Amino acid sequence: MENLDGLKIRSVREAAELCGLSVSRMNRFRCEGDGPKYCQLGTGKRARIGYRLIDLESWLESRVRSHTGQGG
């Protein structure tokens, strides 16, 4: 059976901690379209935002660099 832990939803605070970022930076990344994929749980301005671990890992992997000359 597939491991479903990667699909478990993390709060913005949990996601920020896992990525080593502040909550405000995670929110900025989301607004700018530069952050990890996220889930909007509900509708309207009060909708909860969450992140799947699998998407956080994928986003972090996409930002791995081997030297400073690589694009980012």
PDB file of N, CA and C in Angstrom:
ATOM      1  N   MET A   1       0.837  -1.186   0.000  1.00  0.00           N
ATOM      2  CA  MET A   1       0.000   0.000   0.000  1.00  0.00           C
ATOM      3  C   MET A   1       0.881   1.248   0.000  1.00  0.00           C
ATOM      4  N   GLU A   2       0.457   2.256  -0.706  1.00  0.00           N
ATOM      5  CA  GLU A   2       1.204   3.509  -0.805  1.00  0.00           C
ATOM      6  C   GLU A   2       1.229   4.222   0.548  1.00  0.00           C
ATOM      7  N   ASN A   3       2.350   4.878   0.852  1.00  0.00           N
ATOM      8  CA  ASN A   3       2.479   5.645   2.082  1.00  0.00           C
ATOM      9  C   ASN A   3       1.686   6.939   1.933  1.00  0.00           C
ATOM     10  N   LEU A   4       0.659   7.117   2.748  1.00  0.00           N
ATOM     11  CA  LEU A   4      -0.207   8.290   2.644  1.00  0.00           C
ATOM     12  C   LEU A   4       0.298   9.466   3.465  1.00  0.00           C
ATOM     13  N   ASP A   5       1.387   9.296   4.208  1.00  0.00           N
ATOM     14  CA  ASP A   5       1.898  10.393   5.020  1.00  0.00           C
ATOM     15  C   ASP A   5       2.273  11.594   4.169  1.00  0.00           C
ATOM     16  N   GLY A   6       2.754  11.357   2.963  1.00  0.00           N
ATOM     17  CA  GLY A   6       3.122  12.451   2.069  1.00  0.00           C
ATOM     18  C   GLY A   6       1.932  13.279   1.624  1.00  0.00           C
ATOM     19  N   LEU A   7       0.729  12.724   1.766  1.00  0.00           N
ATOM     20  CA  LEU A   7      -0.480  13.439   1.382  1.00  0.00           C
ATOM     21  C   LEU A   7      -1.125  14.150   2.569  1.00  0.00           C
ATOM     22  N   LYS A   8      -0.637  13.898   3.777  1.00  0.00           N
ATOM     23  CA  LYS A   8      -1.182  14.534   4.968  1.00  0.00           C
ATOM     24  C   LYS A   8      -0.985  16.051   4.868  1.00  0.00           C
ATOM     25  N   ILE A   9      -2.032  16.794   5.186  1.00  0.00           N
ATOM     26  CA  ILE A   9      -1.998  18.252   5.073  1.00  0.00           C
ATOM     27  C   ILE A   9      -1.294  18.854   6.292  1.00  0.00           C
ATOM     28  N   ARG A  10      -0.331  19.741   6.007  1.00  0.00           N
ATOM     29  CA  ARG A  10       0.373  20.487   7.053  1.00  0.00           C
ATOM     30  C   ARG A  10      -0.144  21.919   7.047  1.00  0.00           C
ATOM     31  N   SER A  11      -0.215  22.533   8.209  1.00  0.00           N
ATOM     32  CA  SER A  11      -0.614  23.937   8.298  1.00  0.00           C
ATOM     33  C   SER A  11       0.499  24.809   7.721  1.00  0.00           C
ATOM     34  N   VAL A  12       0.200  26.078   7.510  1.00  0.00           N
ATOM     35  CA  VAL A  12       1.211  27.008   7.021  1.00  0.00           C
ATOM     36  C   VAL A  12       2.369  27.062   8.010  1.00  0.00           C
ATOM     37  N   ARG A  13       2.064  27.091   9.293  1.00  0.00           N
ATOM     38  CA  ARG A  13       3.109  27.135  10.324  1.00  0.00           C
ATOM     39  C   ARG A  13       3.992  25.888  10.273  1.00  0.00           C
ATOM     40  N   GLU A  14       3.372  24.715  10.156  1.00  0.00           N
ATOM     41  CA  GLU A  14       4.143  23.464  10.065  1.00  0.00           C
ATOM     42  C   GLU A  14       4.991  23.438   8.795  1.00  0.00           C
ATOM     43  N   ALA A  15       4.414  23.875   7.685  1.00  0.00           N
ATOM     44  CA  ALA A  15       5.148  23.889   6.417  1.00  0.00           C
ATOM     45  C   ALA A  15       6.340  24.838   6.501  1.00  0.00           C
ATOM     46  N   ALA A  16       6.132  25.996   7.088  1.00  0.00           N
ATOM     47  CA  ALA A  16       7.217  26.972   7.231  1.00  0.00           C
ATOM     48  C   ALA A  16       8.346  26.377   8.073  1.00  0.00           C
ATOM     49  N   GLU A  17       7.984  25.722   9.150  1.00  0.00           N
ATOM     50  CA  GLU A  17       8.997  25.108  10.017  1.00  0.00           C
ATOM     51  C   GLU A  17       9.778  24.025   9.274  1.00  0.00           C
ATOM     52  N   LEU A  18       9.073  23.191   8.521  1.00  0.00           N
ATOM     53  CA  LEU A  18       9.733  22.131   7.755  1.00  0.00           C
ATOM     54  C   LEU A  18      10.694  22.698   6.712  1.00  0.00           C
ATOM     55  N   CYS A  19      10.358  23.872   6.151  1.00  0.00           N
ATOM     56  CA  CYS A  19      11.192  24.485   5.119  1.00  0.00           C
ATOM     57  C   CYS A  19      12.231  25.438   5.698  1.00  0.00           C
ATOM     58  N   GLY A  20      12.178  25.677   6.995  1.00  0.00           N
ATOM     59  CA  GLY A  20      13.123  26.601   7.614  1.00  0.00           C
ATOM     60  C   GLY A  20      12.831  28.059   7.278  1.00  0.00           C
ATOM     61  N   LEU A  21      11.565  28.373   7.068  1.00  0.00           N
ATOM     62  CA  LEU A  21      11.149  29.729   6.697  1.00  0.00           C
ATOM     63  C   LEU A  21      10.148  30.265   7.706  1.00  0.00           C
ATOM     64  N   SER A  22       9.911  31.562   7.645  1.00  0.00           N
ATOM     65  CA  SER A  22       8.889  32.169   8.496  1.00  0.00           C
ATOM     66  C   SER A  22       7.521  31.977   7.847  1.00  0.00           C
ATOM     67  N   VAL A  23       6.486  32.086   8.650  1.00  0.00           N
ATOM     68  CA  VAL A  23       5.123  32.003   8.131  1.00  0.00           C
ATOM     69  C   VAL A  23       4.881  33.132   7.135  1.00  0.00           C
ATOM     70  N   SER A  24       5.363  34.322   7.445  1.00  0.00           N
ATOM     71  CA  SER A  24       5.152  35.447   6.524  1.00  0.00           C
ATOM     72  C   SER A  24       5.847  35.203   5.187  1.00  0.00           C
ATOM     73  N   ARG A  25       7.015  34.570   5.203  1.00  0.00           N
ATOM     74  CA  ARG A  25       7.713  34.273   3.940  1.00  0.00           C
ATOM     75  C   ARG A  25       6.942  33.221   3.140  1.00  0.00           C
ATOM     76  N   MET A  26       6.394  32.218   3.823  1.00  0.00           N
ATOM     77  CA  MET A  26       5.576  31.214   3.129  1.00  0.00           C
ATOM     78  C   MET A  26       4.368  31.889   2.484  1.00  0.00           C
ATOM     79  N   ASN A  27       3.742  32.828   3.208  1.00  0.00           N
ATOM     80  CA  ASN A  27       2.585  33.542   2.661  1.00  0.00           C
ATOM     81  C   ASN A  27       2.992  34.377   1.455  1.00  0.00           C
ATOM     82  N   ARG A  28       4.132  35.026   1.528  1.00  0.00           N
ATOM     83  CA  ARG A  28       4.623  35.821   0.392  1.00  0.00           C
ATOM     84  C   ARG A  28       4.904  34.932  -0.812  1.00  0.00           C
ATOM     85  N   PHE A  29       5.589  33.805  -0.575  1.00  0.00           N
ATOM     86  CA  PHE A  29       5.860  32.869  -1.673  1.00  0.00           C
ATOM     87  C   PHE A  29       4.555  32.458  -2.348  1.00  0.00           C
ATOM     88  N   ARG A  30       3.536  32.163  -1.545  1.00  0.00           N
ATOM     89  CA  ARG A  30       2.257  31.727  -2.105  1.00  0.00           C
ATOM     90  C   ARG A  30       1.640  32.841  -2.954  1.00  0.00           C
ATOM     91  N   CYS A  31       1.653  34.062  -2.458  1.00  0.00           N
ATOM     92  CA  CYS A  31       1.072  35.199  -3.198  1.00  0.00           C
ATOM     93  C   CYS A  31       1.845  35.505  -4.476  1.00  0.00           C
ATOM     94  N   GLU A  32       3.154  35.308  -4.442  1.00  0.00           N
ATOM     95  CA  GLU A  32       4.009  35.587  -5.593  1.00  0.00           C
ATOM     96  C   GLU A  32       4.034  34.431  -6.594  1.00  0.00           C
ATOM     97  N   GLY A  33       3.520  33.276  -6.193  1.00  0.00           N
ATOM     98  CA  GLY A  33       3.528  32.108  -7.065  1.00  0.00           C
ATOM     99  C   GLY A  33       4.880  31.421  -7.142  1.00  0.00           C
ATOM    100  N   ASP A  34       5.744  31.690  -6.159  1.00  0.00           N
ATOM    101  CA  ASP A  34       7.092  31.119  -6.175  1.00  0.00           C
ATOM    102  C   ASP A  34       7.267  29.998  -5.152  1.00  0.00           C
ATOM    103  N   GLY A  35       6.249  29.705  -4.400  1.00  0.00           N
ATOM    104  CA  GLY A  35       6.365  28.709  -3.338  1.00  0.00           C
ATOM    105  C   GLY A  35       5.876  27.349  -3.758  1.00  0.00           C
ATOM    106  N   PRO A  36       5.809  26.449  -2.789  1.00  0.00           N
ATOM    107  CA  PRO A  36       5.310  25.104  -3.066  1.00  0.00           C
ATOM    108  C   PRO A  36       3.817  25.117  -3.380  1.00  0.00           C
ATOM    109  N   LYS A  37       3.364  24.072  -4.053  1.00  0.00           N
ATOM    110  CA  LYS A  37       1.932  23.910  -4.294  1.00  0.00           C
ATOM    111  C   LYS A  37       1.226  23.873  -2.941  1.00  0.00           C
ATOM    112  N   TYR A  38      -0.001  24.358  -2.911  1.00  0.00           N
ATOM    113  CA  TYR A  38      -0.754  24.369  -1.663  1.00  0.00           C
ATOM    114  C   TYR A  38      -2.192  23.958  -1.914  1.00  0.00           C
ATOM    115  N   CYS A  39      -2.907  23.688  -0.840  1.00  0.00           N
ATOM    116  CA  CYS A  39      -4.314  23.315  -0.903  1.00  0.00           C
ATOM    117  C   CYS A  39      -5.132  24.424  -0.258  1.00  0.00           C
ATOM    118  N   GLN A  40      -6.198  24.824  -0.916  1.00  0.00           N
ATOM    119  CA  GLN A  40      -7.128  25.780  -0.329  1.00  0.00           C
ATOM    120  C   GLN A  40      -8.304  24.974   0.188  1.00  0.00           C
ATOM    121  N   LEU A  41      -8.472  24.968   1.490  1.00  0.00           N
ATOM    122  CA  LEU A  41      -9.482  24.142   2.138  1.00  0.00           C
ATOM    123  C   LEU A  41     -10.662  25.032   2.514  1.00  0.00           C
ATOM    124  N   GLY A  42     -11.622  25.095   1.639  1.00  0.00           N
ATOM    125  CA  GLY A  42     -12.777  25.960   1.826  1.00  0.00           C
ATOM    126  C   GLY A  42     -12.787  27.018   0.740  1.00  0.00           C
ATOM    127  N   THR A  43     -13.679  27.989   0.893  1.00  0.00           N
ATOM    128  CA  THR A  43     -13.799  29.058  -0.097  1.00  0.00           C
ATOM    129  C   THR A  43     -13.750  30.411   0.590  1.00  0.00           C
ATOM    130  N   GLY A  44     -13.452  31.417  -0.190  1.00  0.00           N
ATOM    131  CA  GLY A  44     -13.452  32.774   0.322  1.00  0.00           C
ATOM    132  C   GLY A  44     -12.181  33.137   1.068  1.00  0.00           C
ATOM    133  N   LYS A  45     -12.198  34.339   1.641  1.00  0.00           N
ATOM    134  CA  LYS A  45     -11.026  34.869   2.332  1.00  0.00           C
ATOM    135  C   LYS A  45     -10.658  34.087   3.585  1.00  0.00           C
ATOM    136  N   ARG A  46     -11.613  33.390   4.177  1.00  0.00           N
ATOM    137  CA  ARG A  46     -11.366  32.661   5.422  1.00  0.00           C
ATOM    138  C   ARG A  46     -10.964  31.202   5.183  1.00  0.00           C
ATOM    139  N   ALA A  47     -10.775  30.819   3.919  1.00  0.00           N
ATOM    140  CA  ALA A  47     -10.402  29.435   3.612  1.00  0.00           C
ATOM    141  C   ALA A  47      -9.051  29.101   4.242  1.00  0.00           C
ATOM    142  N   ARG A  48      -8.950  27.911   4.793  1.00  0.00           N
ATOM    143  CA  ARG A  48      -7.688  27.438   5.350  1.00  0.00           C
ATOM    144  C   ARG A  48      -6.740  27.070   4.232  1.00  0.00           C
ATOM    145  N   ILE A  49      -5.476  27.306   4.449  1.00  0.00           N
ATOM    146  CA  ILE A  49      -4.429  26.929   3.498  1.00  0.00           C
ATOM    147  C   ILE A  49      -3.625  25.804   4.127  1.00  0.00           C
ATOM    148  N   GLY A  50      -3.304  24.805   3.325  1.00  0.00           N
ATOM    149  CA  GLY A  50      -2.494  23.699   3.807  1.00  0.00           C
ATOM    150  C   GLY A  50      -1.527  23.238   2.729  1.00  0.00           C
ATOM    151  N   TYR A  51      -0.539  22.493   3.157  1.00  0.00           N
ATOM    152  CA  TYR A  51       0.494  21.986   2.255  1.00  0.00           C
ATOM    153  C   TYR A  51       0.645  20.486   2.448  1.00  0.00           C
ATOM    154  N   ARG A  52       0.742  19.757   1.345  1.00  0.00           N
ATOM    155  CA  ARG A  52       1.039  18.323   1.426  1.00  0.00           C
ATOM    156  C   ARG A  52       2.549  18.165   1.530  1.00  0.00           C
ATOM    157  N   LEU A  53       2.988  17.234   2.343  1.00  0.00           N
ATOM    158  CA  LEU A  53       4.417  16.980   2.518  1.00  0.00           C
ATOM    159  C   LEU A  53       5.075  16.663   1.183  1.00  0.00           C
ATOM    160  N   ILE A  54       4.407  15.918   0.346  1.00  0.00           N
ATOM    161  CA  ILE A  54       4.962  15.545  -0.957  1.00  0.00           C
ATOM    162  C   ILE A  54       5.256  16.788  -1.802  1.00  0.00           C
ATOM    163  N   ASP A  55       4.397  17.809  -1.706  1.00  0.00           N
ATOM    164  CA  ASP A  55       4.618  19.048  -2.466  1.00  0.00           C
ATOM    165  C   ASP A  55       5.738  19.881  -1.858  1.00  0.00           C
ATOM    166  N   LEU A  56       5.843  19.892  -0.538  1.00  0.00           N
ATOM    167  CA  LEU A  56       6.944  20.605   0.116  1.00  0.00           C
ATOM    168  C   LEU A  56       8.279  19.986  -0.274  1.00  0.00           C
ATOM    169  N   GLU A  57       8.342  18.651  -0.248  1.00  0.00           N
ATOM    170  CA  GLU A  57       9.583  17.957  -0.608  1.00  0.00           C
ATOM    171  C   GLU A  57       9.954  18.228  -2.064  1.00  0.00           C
ATOM    172  N   SER A  58       8.977  18.214  -2.945  1.00  0.00           N
ATOM    173  CA  SER A  58       9.220  18.464  -4.362  1.00  0.00           C
ATOM    174  C   SER A  58       9.734  19.890  -4.582  1.00  0.00           C
ATOM    175  N   TRP A  59       9.122  20.857  -3.902  1.00  0.00           N
ATOM    176  CA  TRP A  59       9.543  22.250  -4.034  1.00  0.00           C
ATOM    177  C   TRP A  59      10.965  22.439  -3.521  1.00  0.00           C
ATOM    178  N   LEU A  60      11.255  21.847  -2.362  1.00  0.00           N
ATOM    179  CA  LEU A  60      12.611  21.953  -1.813  1.00  0.00           C
ATOM    180  C   LEU A  60      13.630  21.319  -2.757  1.00  0.00           C
ATOM    181  N   GLU A  61      13.287  20.173  -3.315  1.00  0.00           N
ATOM    182  CA  GLU A  61      14.187  19.488  -4.256  1.00  0.00           C
ATOM    183  C   GLU A  61      14.451  20.357  -5.485  1.00  0.00           C
ATOM    184  N   SER A  62      13.438  21.088  -5.934  1.00  0.00           N
ATOM    185  CA  SER A  62      13.607  21.937  -7.117  1.00  0.00           C
ATOM    186  C   SER A  62      14.522  23.130  -6.849  1.00  0.00           C
ATOM    187  N   ARG A  63      14.809  23.410  -5.594  1.00  0.00           N
ATOM    188  CA  ARG A  63      15.641  24.551  -5.223  1.00  0.00           C
ATOM    189  C   ARG A  63      17.062  24.150  -4.839  1.00  0.00           C
ATOM    190  N   VAL A  64      17.395  22.881  -4.979  1.00  0.00           N
ATOM    191  CA  VAL A  64      18.746  22.407  -4.671  1.00  0.00           C
ATOM    192  C   VAL A  64      19.698  22.880  -5.761  1.00  0.00           C
ATOM    193  N   ARG A  65      20.811  23.430  -5.355  1.00  0.00           N
ATOM    194  CA  ARG A  65      21.821  23.929  -6.292  1.00  0.00           C
ATOM    195  C   ARG A  65      23.182  23.353  -5.909  1.00  0.00           C
ATOM    196  N   SER A  66      24.051  23.201  -6.894  1.00  0.00           N
ATOM    197  CA  SER A  66      25.393  22.717  -6.604  1.00  0.00           C
ATOM    198  C   SER A  66      26.431  23.838  -6.613  1.00  0.00           C
ATOM    199  N   HIS A  67      26.064  24.994  -7.171  1.00  0.00           N
ATOM    200  CA  HIS A  67      26.965  26.155  -7.121  1.00  0.00           C
ATOM    201  C   HIS A  67      26.157  27.428  -7.325  1.00  0.00           C
ATOM    202  N   THR A  68      26.755  28.566  -7.009  1.00  0.00           N
ATOM    203  CA  THR A  68      26.036  29.843  -7.030  1.00  0.00           C
ATOM    204  C   THR A  68      25.696  30.335  -8.428  1.00  0.00           C
ATOM    205  N   GLY A  69      26.323  29.783  -9.448  1.00  0.00           N
ATOM    206  CA  GLY A  69      26.063  30.217 -10.814  1.00  0.00           C
ATOM    207  C   GLY A  69      24.788  29.636 -11.417  1.00  0.00           C
ATOM    208  N   GLN A  70      24.195  28.676 -10.734  1.00  0.00           N
ATOM    209  CA  GLN A  70      22.964  28.080 -11.246  1.00  0.00           C
ATOM    210  C   GLN A  70      21.801  29.035 -11.052  1.00  0.00           C
ATOM    211  N   GLY A  71      20.873  29.023 -12.007  1.00  0.00           N
ATOM    212  CA  GLY A  71      19.696  29.883 -11.914  1.00  0.00           C
ATOM    213  C   GLY A  71      18.829  29.542 -10.721  1.00  0.00           C
ATOM    214  N   GLY A  72      17.979  30.458 -10.355  1.00  0.00           N
ATOM    215  CA  GLY A  72      17.132  30.207  -9.205  1.00  0.00           C
ATOM    216  C   GLY A  72      15.952  31.014  -9.174  1.00  0.00           C
TER     217      GLY A  72
END
